[in-house]
């Protein structure tokens, strides 16, 4: 296996941002996928301080390049002011830029909108099943995640994940000044990781982490902006029943969630692993949706009684005279499928509030099953169908 052969492709003749959490392989991918003429690494202290003092010096660095040349700037969020220079050089010198970053937070404040229309956005995540192929191990993915630096070094999983969590706190949070009280954020991280794949209940999280309720939403925003987590919104098709409105939160990688919850040396129970399976499949749905430009909205559906559908893929949004068109997906850790689990998908379809293209169960068994209108796939077979374009 080529250890870092990714399915993401760079755009042709168009500048782009490449976002992704630390350790997902952005720099390695750039080196392999793009024939660039100059690389500016803002993690190098000398380069960082030089351009921080005077962003206009970027022009001196690219002065020798011909129009059409590619310039890579690593960790662009460290100096958002450089985007003004990048924008000017795009116009005046006709250069192409690949701008990598592990946080969109500073760029939002620093003027990333200056490049609107002139630079597309790419997102890199940990390894997907499609990239790992024969090396894919579901049990390992659930327990340790699929970050390249973890997956390719199985003998040092615990140590590497522990250092990764500490590095995230030190470099992304403390040094960037994203929070005032790091100890409060650390307590929040542990609670948020323990509640991975669950509904966001701000008051309960504030109580458990011993932080003000007003801090919770801001802390979740930090996790999203630094690309280590994603909120999954609740789907509300107005099916004439009371519907859940709170989002769910999923970590970008199961191993990192485990590290932040201080469970690296503990045996994992079925509750944790069930959430990890949902987390991993949400990761695969995101990767496929982004890389193959499907651009589908992804939700979950729930009602207060507890009935829930893990993922709702919206193929077509509803209009005043047209019902939304969706794919329903229910995920279970079990190796044996219980027909009771069909009920949530069947109940939602029976409301008549939407048009269901397919209802799909995903489980850890080996046999493909069909129950009336519900198809049940083993995990790996589902992922094969997903990347063949047969799910959505």
Protein backbone atom coordinates (compact mmCIF):
# COMPACT_ATOMS: atom_id res chain seq x y z
CA UNK A 1 0.00 0.00 0.00
CA UNK A 2 1.19 3.51 -0.83
CA UNK A 3 0.84 4.86 2.72
CA UNK A 4 -0.50 8.26 1.75
CA UNK A 5 -2.24 7.74 -1.57
CA UNK A 6 -5.40 9.77 -1.23
CA UNK A 7 -8.58 9.94 -3.30
CA UNK A 8 -8.74 13.73 -3.04
CA UNK A 9 -7.55 15.45 -6.22
CA UNK A 10 -6.29 19.04 -6.58
CA UNK A 11 -8.29 21.37 -8.83
CA UNK A 12 -6.80 22.12 -12.24
CA UNK A 13 -5.57 25.66 -12.81
CA UNK A 14 -7.42 27.14 -9.85
CA UNK A 15 -6.12 28.25 -6.48
CA UNK A 16 -7.49 26.44 -3.44
CA UNK A 17 -7.59 26.24 0.32
CA UNK A 18 -6.85 22.79 1.76
CA UNK A 19 -8.32 22.56 5.25
CA UNK A 20 -7.94 19.67 7.65
CA UNK A 21 -7.06 18.95 11.26
CA UNK A 22 -3.42 18.48 12.20
CA UNK A 23 -2.00 15.10 11.22
CA UNK A 24 -4.43 14.23 8.41
CA UNK A 25 -1.62 14.41 5.83
CA UNK A 26 -2.15 17.79 4.13
CA UNK A 27 1.53 18.56 3.53
CA UNK A 28 2.34 15.05 2.35
CA UNK A 29 -0.61 15.13 -0.05
CA UNK A 30 0.50 18.51 -1.42
CA UNK A 31 4.01 17.14 -2.02
CA UNK A 32 2.63 14.14 -3.89
CA UNK A 33 -0.33 15.63 -5.74
CA UNK A 34 0.91 19.06 -6.81
CA UNK A 35 3.92 20.15 -8.85
CA UNK A 36 4.59 23.42 -7.10
CA UNK A 37 7.38 25.94 -7.69
CA UNK A 38 7.65 27.45 -4.20
CA UNK A 39 6.63 26.38 -0.71
CA UNK A 40 6.30 28.79 2.20
CA UNK A 41 5.97 27.01 5.54
CA UNK A 42 4.58 29.23 8.28
CA UNK A 43 5.47 26.63 10.91
CA UNK A 44 9.11 27.60 10.32
CA UNK A 45 9.76 30.24 12.95
CA UNK A 46 12.04 32.43 10.83
CA UNK A 47 9.62 32.52 7.90
CA UNK A 48 6.66 33.10 10.21
CA UNK A 49 8.25 36.06 12.02
CA UNK A 50 9.50 37.59 8.78
CA UNK A 51 6.10 37.58 7.10
CA UNK A 52 4.26 38.45 10.30
CA UNK A 53 6.28 41.68 10.51
CA UNK A 54 5.82 42.48 6.83
CA UNK A 55 3.35 40.40 4.75
CA UNK A 56 4.35 42.33 1.62
CA UNK A 57 7.65 40.39 1.62
CA UNK A 58 5.70 37.54 0.06
CA UNK A 59 6.03 39.39 -3.24
CA UNK A 60 9.83 39.22 -3.00
CA UNK A 61 9.67 35.48 -2.49
CA UNK A 62 7.60 34.93 -5.66
CA UNK A 63 9.28 37.60 -7.83
CA UNK A 64 11.23 35.03 -9.87
CA UNK A 65 8.16 32.92 -10.72
CA UNK A 66 6.46 32.92 -14.10
CA UNK A 67 2.68 33.36 -14.54
CA UNK A 68 0.94 30.03 -13.98
CA UNK A 69 3.42 28.89 -11.32
CA UNK A 70 2.13 27.22 -8.16
CA UNK A 71 2.91 28.55 -4.68
CA UNK A 72 2.13 26.57 -1.52
CA UNK A 73 1.62 28.35 1.81
CA UNK A 74 1.40 25.96 4.76
CA UNK A 75 -0.72 26.89 7.81
CA UNK A 76 -2.05 30.11 6.29
CA UNK A 77 -4.24 30.75 9.34
CA UNK A 78 -1.14 31.77 11.29
CA UNK A 79 -0.97 35.02 9.29
CA UNK A 80 -4.43 35.85 7.88
CA UNK A 81 -3.09 39.20 6.64
CA UNK A 82 -1.16 37.30 3.96
CA UNK A 83 -4.45 36.73 2.16
CA UNK A 84 -4.46 40.33 1.02
CA UNK A 85 -1.07 39.77 -0.63
CA UNK A 86 -2.21 36.45 -2.08
CA UNK A 87 -5.27 38.13 -3.56
CA UNK A 88 -3.13 40.82 -5.19
CA UNK A 89 -0.62 38.30 -6.57
CA UNK A 90 -3.45 36.23 -8.01
CA UNK A 91 -4.54 39.31 -9.92
CA UNK A 92 -1.22 40.92 -10.83
CA UNK A 93 1.13 37.97 -11.28
CA UNK A 94 -1.36 35.32 -12.42
CA UNK A 95 0.04 32.82 -9.92
CA UNK A 96 -1.80 29.86 -8.43
CA UNK A 97 -1.85 29.29 -4.67
CA UNK A 98 -2.45 26.20 -2.55
CA UNK A 99 -3.18 27.41 0.99
CA UNK A 100 -3.24 24.78 3.73
CA UNK A 101 -4.68 25.30 7.19
CA UNK A 102 -5.81 23.45 10.28
CA UNK A 103 -8.18 26.17 11.43
CA UNK A 104 -10.69 28.36 9.64
CA UNK A 105 -11.32 30.49 12.74
CA UNK A 106 -8.65 33.14 12.22
CA UNK A 107 -9.25 33.22 8.48
CA UNK A 108 -12.88 34.13 9.06
CA UNK A 109 -11.71 37.15 11.01
CA UNK A 110 -8.75 37.84 8.73
CA UNK A 111 -10.46 38.30 5.39
CA UNK A 112 -10.64 34.90 3.64
CA UNK A 113 -13.65 36.33 1.80
CA UNK A 114 -11.16 38.37 -0.26
CA UNK A 115 -10.55 35.23 -2.30
CA UNK A 116 -14.22 34.41 -2.85
CA UNK A 117 -14.64 33.01 -6.32
CA UNK A 118 -10.89 32.88 -6.94
CA UNK A 119 -10.06 29.93 -4.70
CA UNK A 120 -12.03 26.78 -4.11
CA UNK A 121 -12.01 24.85 -0.82
CA UNK A 122 -10.90 21.27 -0.23
CA UNK A 123 -11.24 19.30 2.98
CA UNK A 124 -8.87 16.50 3.97
CA UNK A 125 -9.86 14.04 6.68
CA UNK A 126 -8.27 10.90 8.15
CA UNK A 127 -7.96 7.82 5.94
CA UNK A 128 -11.15 6.45 4.44
CA UNK A 129 -11.91 2.81 3.67
CA UNK A 130 -11.50 3.61 -0.03
CA UNK A 131 -7.92 4.72 0.59
CA UNK A 132 -6.94 1.90 2.94
CA UNK A 133 -8.42 -0.86 0.74
CA UNK A 134 -7.01 -4.24 1.86
CA UNK A 135 -5.32 -2.64 4.87
CA UNK A 136 -8.66 -1.53 6.31
CA UNK A 137 -9.45 -3.02 9.72
CA UNK A 138 -12.84 -1.98 11.12
CA UNK A 139 -12.06 -2.98 14.70
CA UNK A 140 -8.87 -0.95 14.64
CA UNK A 141 -10.58 2.02 13.00
CA UNK A 142 -13.19 2.10 15.78
CA UNK A 143 -10.69 1.79 18.61
CA UNK A 144 -7.79 3.87 17.34
CA UNK A 145 -9.11 5.94 14.45
CA UNK A 146 -7.57 6.37 11.00
CA UNK A 147 -5.26 9.37 11.30
CA UNK A 148 -2.26 8.56 9.05
CA UNK A 149 0.33 9.06 11.80
CA UNK A 150 -1.63 6.60 14.00
CA UNK A 151 -2.76 4.06 11.42
CA UNK A 152 0.69 3.71 9.87
CA UNK A 153 2.41 3.25 13.23
CA UNK A 154 0.33 0.65 15.11
CA UNK A 155 3.02 -0.09 17.69
CA UNK A 156 2.82 3.42 19.15
CA UNK A 157 -0.92 4.15 19.04
CA UNK A 158 -1.34 5.12 22.68
CA UNK A 159 1.73 7.35 22.87
CA UNK A 160 1.02 9.08 19.57
CA UNK A 161 -2.63 9.77 20.37
CA UNK A 162 -1.70 11.10 23.80
CA UNK A 163 0.85 13.48 22.27
CA UNK A 164 -1.64 14.47 19.55
CA UNK A 165 -4.22 15.52 22.15
CA UNK A 166 -1.59 17.51 24.04
CA UNK A 167 -0.34 19.15 20.83
CA UNK A 168 -3.87 20.17 19.91
CA UNK A 169 -4.32 21.85 23.27
CA UNK A 170 -0.92 23.52 23.16
CA UNK A 171 -0.63 24.65 19.55
CA UNK A 172 -4.19 25.08 18.33
CA UNK A 173 -5.83 26.35 21.49
CA UNK A 174 -3.36 27.87 23.94
CA UNK A 175 -0.87 29.46 21.54
CA UNK A 176 -3.59 30.76 19.22
CA UNK A 177 -5.37 32.32 22.19
CA UNK A 178 -8.72 30.76 21.32
CA UNK A 179 -9.88 30.42 24.95
CA UNK A 180 -9.31 32.48 28.07
CA UNK A 181 -9.29 29.59 30.54
CA UNK A 182 -7.55 26.48 29.24
CA UNK A 183 -8.49 24.39 32.30
CA UNK A 184 -12.20 24.99 31.61
CA UNK A 185 -11.74 24.01 27.98
CA UNK A 186 -9.88 20.82 28.98
CA UNK A 187 -12.80 19.78 31.19
CA UNK A 188 -15.19 20.56 28.34
CA UNK A 189 -13.09 18.43 25.95
CA UNK A 190 -13.36 15.39 28.17
CA UNK A 191 -17.13 15.73 28.54
CA UNK A 192 -17.60 16.39 24.82
CA UNK A 193 -15.56 13.31 23.92
CA UNK A 194 -17.52 11.13 26.34
CA UNK A 195 -20.73 12.36 24.67
CA UNK A 196 -19.45 11.68 21.16
CA UNK A 197 -22.29 10.84 18.69
CA UNK A 198 -24.95 12.11 21.09
CA UNK A 199 -27.30 15.06 21.08
CA UNK A 200 -25.83 18.34 22.26
CA UNK A 201 -27.42 19.29 25.59
CA UNK A 202 -25.73 22.54 26.54
CA UNK A 203 -27.01 22.69 30.10
CA UNK A 204 -25.96 19.11 30.89
CA UNK A 205 -22.52 19.64 29.37
CA UNK A 206 -22.02 22.88 31.31
CA UNK A 207 -23.00 21.11 34.52
CA UNK A 208 -20.70 18.11 33.92
CA UNK A 209 -17.72 20.24 32.83
CA UNK A 210 -18.34 22.86 35.55
CA UNK A 211 -18.31 25.72 33.07
CA UNK A 212 -20.80 28.52 32.32
CA UNK A 213 -23.61 27.55 29.96
CA UNK A 214 -22.65 30.53 27.82
CA UNK A 215 -19.25 28.94 27.11
CA UNK A 216 -20.56 25.67 25.68
CA UNK A 217 -21.61 26.87 22.22
CA UNK A 218 -18.38 28.81 21.84
CA UNK A 219 -16.30 25.79 22.75
CA UNK A 220 -18.14 23.60 20.24
CA UNK A 221 -17.52 26.28 17.62
CA UNK A 222 -13.80 26.06 18.38
CA UNK A 223 -13.86 22.30 17.79
CA UNK A 224 -15.63 22.84 14.47
CA UNK A 225 -13.39 25.71 13.38
CA UNK A 226 -10.27 23.68 14.14
CA UNK A 227 -11.84 20.80 12.20
CA UNK A 228 -11.79 18.20 14.97
CA UNK A 229 -15.56 17.91 15.19
CA UNK A 230 -18.80 18.34 13.29
CA UNK A 231 -22.32 19.14 14.40
CA UNK A 232 -24.97 17.03 12.66
CA UNK A 233 -28.23 19.00 12.45
CA UNK A 234 -31.62 17.49 13.24
CA UNK A 235 -33.91 16.89 10.27
CA UNK A 236 -37.35 18.42 10.66
CA UNK A 237 -39.67 17.52 7.78
CA UNK A 238 -42.72 18.52 9.84
CA UNK A 239 -44.12 15.03 9.94
CA UNK A 240 -47.04 16.06 12.19
CA UNK A 241 -45.17 14.85 15.27
CA UNK A 242 -42.91 16.68 17.69
CA UNK A 243 -39.38 16.43 16.34
CA UNK A 244 -35.99 16.79 18.02
CA UNK A 245 -34.23 20.05 17.17
CA UNK A 246 -30.89 19.74 18.98
CA UNK A 247 -27.90 18.78 16.80
CA UNK A 248 -25.60 15.85 17.48
CA UNK A 249 -21.84 16.24 17.74
CA UNK A 250 -19.29 13.88 16.20
CA UNK A 251 -15.52 13.95 16.54
CA UNK A 252 -13.58 13.81 13.29
CA UNK A 253 -11.67 10.72 14.43
CA UNK A 254 -12.54 8.01 16.93
CA UNK A 255 -8.96 7.69 18.21
CA UNK A 256 -8.71 11.40 19.03
CA UNK A 257 -12.09 11.27 20.79
CA UNK A 258 -10.77 8.35 22.84
CA UNK A 259 -7.60 10.25 23.73
CA UNK A 260 -9.51 13.34 24.86
CA UNK A 261 -11.80 11.19 27.02
CA UNK A 262 -8.79 9.63 28.81
CA UNK A 263 -9.72 6.12 27.68
CA UNK A 264 -6.55 5.14 25.83
CA UNK A 265 -5.68 2.42 28.33
CA UNK A 266 -9.23 1.40 29.25
CA UNK A 267 -11.28 -1.40 27.77
CA UNK A 268 -14.01 0.07 25.57
CA UNK A 269 -17.62 -0.95 26.19
CA UNK A 270 -20.33 -1.53 23.57
CA UNK A 271 -21.82 1.93 24.19
CA UNK A 272 -18.58 3.66 23.27
CA UNK A 273 -17.96 1.38 20.28
CA UNK A 274 -21.52 1.90 19.01
CA UNK A 275 -20.91 5.65 19.01
CA UNK A 276 -17.52 5.06 17.37
CA UNK A 277 -19.18 3.11 14.54
CA UNK A 278 -21.62 5.97 13.92
CA UNK A 279 -18.71 8.42 14.05
CA UNK A 280 -16.69 6.40 11.56
CA UNK A 281 -19.57 6.03 9.11
CA UNK A 282 -20.33 9.75 9.35
CA UNK A 283 -16.66 10.32 8.46
CA UNK A 284 -17.02 8.10 5.39
CA UNK A 285 -20.23 9.84 4.32
CA UNK A 286 -18.51 13.23 4.60
CA UNK A 287 -15.43 12.11 2.65
CA UNK A 288 -17.49 10.60 -0.17
CA UNK A 289 -19.86 13.57 -0.25
CA UNK A 290 -16.98 16.04 -0.52
CA UNK A 291 -14.47 14.24 -2.74
CA UNK A 292 -17.06 13.23 -5.34
CA UNK A 293 -18.84 16.58 -5.14
CA UNK A 294 -22.25 15.16 -4.30
CA UNK A 295 -22.96 18.18 -2.08
CA UNK A 296 -25.82 16.47 -0.26
CA UNK A 297 -27.06 17.75 3.08
CA UNK A 298 -26.73 15.18 5.89
CA UNK A 299 -28.93 15.11 9.00
CA UNK A 300 -30.24 12.79 11.68
CA UNK A 301 -33.90 12.45 12.66
CA UNK A 302 -35.37 11.98 16.11
CA UNK A 303 -38.49 12.43 18.20
CA UNK A 304 -38.65 12.93 22.02
CA UNK A 305 -39.84 9.34 22.58
CA UNK A 306 -36.39 8.14 21.53
CA UNK A 307 -37.17 6.92 18.01
CA UNK A 308 -34.24 7.97 15.84
CA UNK A 309 -32.74 7.53 12.37
CA UNK A 310 -28.97 7.91 12.45
CA UNK A 311 -28.48 9.57 9.06
CA UNK A 312 -30.82 11.24 6.62
CA UNK A 313 -29.22 12.06 3.26
CA UNK A 314 -31.26 14.68 1.46
CA UNK A 315 -31.18 13.98 -2.27
CA UNK A 316 -33.62 16.78 -3.06
CA UNK A 317 -34.88 19.47 -0.71
CA UNK A 318 -38.60 19.80 -0.19
CA UNK A 319 -40.56 22.58 -1.83
CA UNK A 320 -44.05 23.90 -1.13
CA UNK A 321 -45.51 21.49 -3.67
CA UNK A 322 -42.88 18.75 -3.44
CA UNK A 323 -41.80 16.42 -0.65
CA UNK A 324 -38.10 16.10 0.20
CA UNK A 325 -36.36 13.09 -1.35
CA UNK A 326 -34.09 11.21 1.07
CA UNK A 327 -32.03 8.13 1.89
CA UNK A 328 -32.37 6.79 5.45
CA UNK A 329 -29.50 4.99 7.19
CA UNK A 330 -29.59 3.18 10.55
CA UNK A 331 -26.30 1.97 12.09
CA UNK A 332 -25.85 -0.81 14.64
CA UNK A 333 -22.75 -2.34 16.21
CA UNK A 334 -24.32 -5.79 16.52
CA UNK A 335 -23.28 -8.78 14.42
CA UNK A 336 -26.93 -9.84 14.23
CA UNK A 337 -29.64 -7.56 12.82
CA UNK A 338 -32.77 -7.23 14.94
CA UNK A 339 -35.90 -6.48 12.87
CA UNK A 340 -37.02 -4.14 15.65
CA UNK A 341 -34.40 -1.69 14.36
CA UNK A 342 -36.37 -1.30 11.13
CA UNK A 343 -39.13 0.48 13.05
CA UNK A 344 -37.57 3.96 13.14
CA UNK A 345 -37.06 4.09 9.37
CA UNK A 346 -40.47 2.56 8.66
CA UNK A 347 -42.21 4.96 11.05
CA UNK A 348 -40.61 7.99 9.44
CA UNK A 349 -41.54 6.79 5.97
CA UNK A 350 -45.13 6.11 7.05
CA UNK A 351 -45.61 9.73 8.07
CA UNK A 352 -45.80 10.58 4.38
CA UNK A 353 -43.81 13.78 5.01
CA UNK A 354 -41.03 12.75 2.66
CA UNK A 355 -40.20 10.50 -0.26
CA UNK A 356 -37.77 7.75 0.76
CA UNK A 357 -35.52 6.54 -2.04
CA UNK A 358 -33.90 3.83 0.10
CA UNK A 359 -33.94 2.67 3.72
CA UNK A 360 -30.61 1.08 4.68
CA UNK A 361 -29.37 -0.71 7.76
CA UNK A 362 -25.64 -1.08 8.42
CA UNK A 363 -24.31 -3.61 10.93
CA UNK A 364 -21.22 -5.65 11.85
CA UNK A 365 -22.57 -8.97 10.62
CA UNK A 366 -21.49 -10.73 7.42
CA UNK A 367 -24.79 -11.38 5.67
CA UNK A 368 -26.71 -8.99 3.43
CA UNK A 369 -30.41 -8.97 4.32
CA UNK A 370 -33.67 -7.53 3.01
CA UNK A 371 -36.81 -6.86 5.05
CA UNK A 372 -39.65 -5.60 2.87
CA UNK A 373 -38.33 -2.17 1.77
CA UNK A 374 -35.32 -2.12 4.09
CA UNK A 375 -31.87 -3.28 2.90
CA UNK A 376 -29.26 -4.31 5.47
CA UNK A 377 -25.55 -4.27 4.64
CA UNK A 378 -22.42 -5.43 6.47
CA UNK A 379 -20.23 -2.37 7.10
CA UNK A 380 -17.59 -3.06 4.47
CA UNK A 381 -20.14 -3.98 1.81
CA UNK A 382 -21.99 -0.75 2.54
CA UNK A 383 -18.76 1.24 2.13
CA UNK A 384 -18.04 -0.50 -1.17
CA UNK A 385 -21.52 0.42 -2.41
CA UNK A 386 -21.04 3.98 -1.15
CA UNK A 387 -17.84 4.59 -3.10
CA UNK A 388 -19.29 2.95 -6.20
CA UNK A 389 -21.97 5.64 -6.11
CA UNK A 390 -24.81 3.26 -5.33
CA UNK A 391 -26.03 4.81 -2.06
CA UNK A 392 -26.41 8.44 -3.15
